[in-house]
């Protein structure tokens, strides 16, 4: 995961967007655990609060991610 410190996009949104892309691309498999909040914060050298906010953002997007995955599966089969 790559975080751009000088970006106009907040760090939590960068994280949420990258995780969403990993899910939609199949890099993260169904049932696979996401990194822990503290572990991800430590690896990225950012605040636990920022990581928590990213996970909350991803949770808000969950219905959209789920629908996108369903549409993607329908196209494949």
N, C-alpha and C. Protein backbone atom coordinates (compact mmCIF):
# COMPACT_ATOMS: atom_id res chain seq x y z
N UNK A 1 0.85 -1.16 0.00
CA UNK A 1 0.00 0.00 0.00
C UNK A 1 0.90 1.23 0.00
N UNK A 2 0.49 2.20 -0.81
CA UNK A 2 1.29 3.40 -0.95
C UNK A 2 0.50 4.63 -0.53
N UNK A 3 1.06 5.42 0.36
CA UNK A 3 0.42 6.61 0.86
C UNK A 3 1.22 7.82 0.39
N UNK A 4 0.53 8.78 -0.19
CA UNK A 4 1.17 10.02 -0.62
C UNK A 4 0.88 11.11 0.41
N UNK A 5 1.89 11.47 1.16
CA UNK A 5 1.73 12.42 2.25
C UNK A 5 1.33 13.81 1.76
N UNK A 6 1.79 14.21 0.58
CA UNK A 6 1.52 15.56 0.07
C UNK A 6 0.32 15.62 -0.86
N UNK A 7 -0.47 14.59 -0.89
CA UNK A 7 -1.64 14.54 -1.78
C UNK A 7 -2.77 15.41 -1.23
N UNK A 8 -3.62 15.87 -2.14
CA UNK A 8 -4.83 16.59 -1.73
C UNK A 8 -5.87 15.64 -1.15
N UNK A 9 -5.71 14.35 -1.42
CA UNK A 9 -6.63 13.33 -0.91
C UNK A 9 -6.18 12.93 0.48
N UNK A 10 -7.08 13.01 1.48
CA UNK A 10 -6.70 12.63 2.84
C UNK A 10 -6.18 11.19 2.91
N UNK A 11 -5.28 10.95 3.82
CA UNK A 11 -4.66 9.63 3.96
C UNK A 11 -5.70 8.54 4.17
N UNK A 12 -6.70 8.79 5.01
CA UNK A 12 -7.70 7.76 5.27
C UNK A 12 -8.45 7.39 3.99
N UNK A 13 -8.69 8.36 3.11
CA UNK A 13 -9.37 8.07 1.85
C UNK A 13 -8.45 7.30 0.90
N UNK A 14 -7.17 7.61 0.92
CA UNK A 14 -6.21 6.87 0.10
C UNK A 14 -6.21 5.39 0.49
N UNK A 15 -6.19 5.14 1.79
CA UNK A 15 -6.18 3.76 2.29
C UNK A 15 -7.47 3.05 1.90
N UNK A 16 -8.60 3.67 2.16
CA UNK A 16 -9.90 3.05 1.85
C UNK A 16 -10.00 2.74 0.36
N UNK A 17 -9.58 3.67 -0.47
CA UNK A 17 -9.66 3.48 -1.93
C UNK A 17 -8.76 2.33 -2.39
N UNK A 18 -7.55 2.26 -1.84
CA UNK A 18 -6.63 1.19 -2.23
C UNK A 18 -7.15 -0.17 -1.77
N UNK A 19 -7.72 -0.23 -0.58
CA UNK A 19 -8.29 -1.50 -0.10
C UNK A 19 -9.48 -1.91 -0.97
N UNK A 20 -10.31 -0.93 -1.33
CA UNK A 20 -11.46 -1.22 -2.19
C UNK A 20 -10.99 -1.78 -3.52
N UNK A 21 -9.95 -1.19 -4.10
CA UNK A 21 -9.40 -1.67 -5.36
C UNK A 21 -8.84 -3.08 -5.23
N UNK A 22 -8.19 -3.37 -4.10
CA UNK A 22 -7.67 -4.72 -3.87
C UNK A 22 -8.81 -5.74 -3.80
N UNK A 23 -9.91 -5.35 -3.20
CA UNK A 23 -11.07 -6.24 -3.09
C UNK A 23 -11.69 -6.47 -4.46
N UNK A 24 -11.91 -5.38 -5.19
CA UNK A 24 -12.56 -5.48 -6.51
C UNK A 24 -11.69 -6.20 -7.53
N UNK A 25 -10.38 -6.07 -7.41
CA UNK A 25 -9.48 -6.70 -8.37
C UNK A 25 -9.26 -8.18 -8.08
N UNK A 26 -9.69 -8.62 -6.89
CA UNK A 26 -9.49 -10.01 -6.51
C UNK A 26 -8.20 -10.26 -5.77
N UNK A 27 -7.42 -9.21 -5.53
CA UNK A 27 -6.18 -9.37 -4.78
C UNK A 27 -6.48 -9.84 -3.35
N UNK A 28 -7.58 -9.35 -2.80
CA UNK A 28 -8.05 -9.83 -1.50
C UNK A 28 -9.22 -10.76 -1.76
N UNK A 29 -9.15 -11.93 -1.24
CA UNK A 29 -10.17 -12.96 -1.46
C UNK A 29 -11.29 -12.86 -0.44
N UNK A 30 -12.45 -13.39 -0.82
CA UNK A 30 -13.59 -13.40 0.09
C UNK A 30 -13.23 -14.18 1.35
N UNK A 31 -13.55 -13.61 2.50
CA UNK A 31 -13.26 -14.26 3.77
C UNK A 31 -11.88 -13.94 4.32
N UNK A 32 -11.04 -13.31 3.51
CA UNK A 32 -9.69 -12.96 3.95
C UNK A 32 -9.77 -11.78 4.93
N UNK A 33 -9.00 -11.85 5.98
CA UNK A 33 -8.98 -10.77 6.95
C UNK A 33 -8.17 -9.59 6.44
N UNK A 34 -8.67 -8.40 6.74
CA UNK A 34 -7.90 -7.20 6.47
C UNK A 34 -6.85 -7.05 7.57
N UNK A 35 -5.79 -6.30 7.30
CA UNK A 35 -4.79 -6.08 8.36
C UNK A 35 -5.43 -5.42 9.58
N UNK A 36 -4.89 -5.70 10.74
CA UNK A 36 -5.42 -5.05 11.95
C UNK A 36 -5.19 -3.55 11.86
N UNK A 37 -6.01 -2.81 12.56
CA UNK A 37 -5.89 -1.35 12.55
C UNK A 37 -4.53 -0.92 13.07
N UNK A 38 -4.13 -1.50 14.19
CA UNK A 38 -2.83 -1.12 14.77
C UNK A 38 -1.67 -1.58 13.89
N UNK A 39 -1.78 -2.78 13.34
CA UNK A 39 -0.71 -3.29 12.48
C UNK A 39 -0.54 -2.45 11.22
N UNK A 40 -1.65 -2.08 10.60
CA UNK A 40 -1.58 -1.25 9.40
C UNK A 40 -1.01 0.13 9.74
N UNK A 41 -1.45 0.69 10.85
CA UNK A 41 -0.92 1.99 11.27
C UNK A 41 0.59 1.91 11.49
N UNK A 42 1.03 0.85 12.12
CA UNK A 42 2.47 0.68 12.37
C UNK A 42 3.23 0.53 11.06
N UNK A 43 2.71 -0.30 10.14
CA UNK A 43 3.40 -0.52 8.86
C UNK A 43 3.46 0.75 8.01
N UNK A 44 2.39 1.54 8.04
CA UNK A 44 2.36 2.76 7.23
C UNK A 44 2.92 3.97 7.96
N UNK A 45 3.22 3.78 9.26
CA UNK A 45 3.75 4.86 10.10
C UNK A 45 2.79 6.05 10.14
N UNK A 46 1.53 5.70 10.41
CA UNK A 46 0.50 6.73 10.55
C UNK A 46 -0.26 6.49 11.85
N UNK A 47 -1.13 7.40 12.16
CA UNK A 47 -1.92 7.33 13.39
C UNK A 47 -2.93 6.18 13.33
N UNK A 48 -3.14 5.56 14.48
CA UNK A 48 -4.19 4.54 14.60
C UNK A 48 -5.55 5.15 14.28
N UNK A 49 -5.74 6.39 14.67
CA UNK A 49 -7.01 7.09 14.41
C UNK A 49 -7.24 7.23 12.91
N UNK A 50 -6.19 7.55 12.15
CA UNK A 50 -6.31 7.67 10.70
C UNK A 50 -6.68 6.32 10.09
N UNK A 51 -6.05 5.27 10.56
CA UNK A 51 -6.35 3.93 10.06
C UNK A 51 -7.78 3.54 10.39
N UNK A 52 -8.20 3.85 11.60
CA UNK A 52 -9.57 3.55 12.01
C UNK A 52 -10.57 4.29 11.12
N UNK A 53 -10.27 5.53 10.80
CA UNK A 53 -11.14 6.32 9.94
C UNK A 53 -11.19 5.71 8.54
N UNK A 54 -10.07 5.19 8.05
CA UNK A 54 -10.04 4.53 6.74
C UNK A 54 -10.94 3.30 6.74
N UNK A 55 -10.90 2.52 7.80
CA UNK A 55 -11.74 1.32 7.89
C UNK A 55 -13.22 1.70 7.99
N UNK A 56 -13.50 2.79 8.69
CA UNK A 56 -14.89 3.27 8.76
C UNK A 56 -15.37 3.70 7.39
N UNK A 57 -14.51 4.37 6.63
CA UNK A 57 -14.85 4.79 5.26
C UNK A 57 -15.10 3.56 4.38
N UNK A 58 -14.26 2.57 4.51
CA UNK A 58 -14.44 1.34 3.73
C UNK A 58 -15.74 0.65 4.10
N UNK A 59 -16.08 0.66 5.37
CA UNK A 59 -17.33 0.06 5.83
C UNK A 59 -18.53 0.79 5.23
N UNK A 60 -18.45 2.10 5.11
CA UNK A 60 -19.54 2.87 4.50
C UNK A 60 -19.70 2.53 3.02
N UNK A 61 -18.60 2.15 2.38
CA UNK A 61 -18.63 1.82 0.95
C UNK A 61 -18.97 0.36 0.70
N UNK A 62 -19.11 -0.41 1.75
CA UNK A 62 -19.31 -1.86 1.60
C UNK A 62 -20.46 -2.23 0.68
N UNK A 63 -21.64 -1.61 0.80
CA UNK A 63 -22.71 -1.99 -0.13
C UNK A 63 -22.34 -1.77 -1.60
N UNK A 64 -21.63 -0.68 -1.88
CA UNK A 64 -21.22 -0.40 -3.24
C UNK A 64 -20.18 -1.41 -3.72
N UNK A 65 -19.25 -1.76 -2.86
CA UNK A 65 -18.22 -2.75 -3.22
C UNK A 65 -18.88 -4.10 -3.47
N UNK A 66 -19.83 -4.47 -2.62
CA UNK A 66 -20.54 -5.74 -2.78
C UNK A 66 -21.28 -5.78 -4.12
N UNK A 67 -21.98 -4.69 -4.45
CA UNK A 67 -22.72 -4.64 -5.72
C UNK A 67 -21.77 -4.72 -6.90
N UNK A 68 -20.65 -4.04 -6.82
CA UNK A 68 -19.66 -4.09 -7.90
C UNK A 68 -19.12 -5.50 -8.09
N UNK A 69 -18.87 -6.20 -6.99
CA UNK A 69 -18.40 -7.57 -7.08
C UNK A 69 -19.45 -8.47 -7.72
N UNK A 70 -20.71 -8.27 -7.37
CA UNK A 70 -21.78 -9.08 -7.94
C UNK A 70 -21.88 -8.85 -9.44
N UNK A 71 -21.79 -7.60 -9.88
CA UNK A 71 -21.84 -7.29 -11.31
C UNK A 71 -20.64 -7.88 -12.03
N UNK A 72 -19.49 -7.82 -11.42
CA UNK A 72 -18.27 -8.35 -12.01
C UNK A 72 -18.42 -9.87 -12.20
N UNK A 73 -18.94 -10.55 -11.20
CA UNK A 73 -19.12 -12.01 -11.29
C UNK A 73 -20.11 -12.36 -12.40
N UNK A 74 -21.16 -11.58 -12.54
CA UNK A 74 -22.15 -11.85 -13.58
C UNK A 74 -21.55 -11.73 -14.97
N UNK A 75 -20.64 -10.80 -15.14
CA UNK A 75 -19.99 -10.63 -16.45
C UNK A 75 -19.07 -11.80 -16.78
N UNK A 76 -18.45 -12.37 -15.76
CA UNK A 76 -17.51 -13.47 -15.98
C UNK A 76 -18.24 -14.74 -16.41
N UNK A 77 -19.38 -15.00 -15.78
CA UNK A 77 -20.09 -16.27 -16.05
C UNK A 77 -21.13 -16.14 -17.12
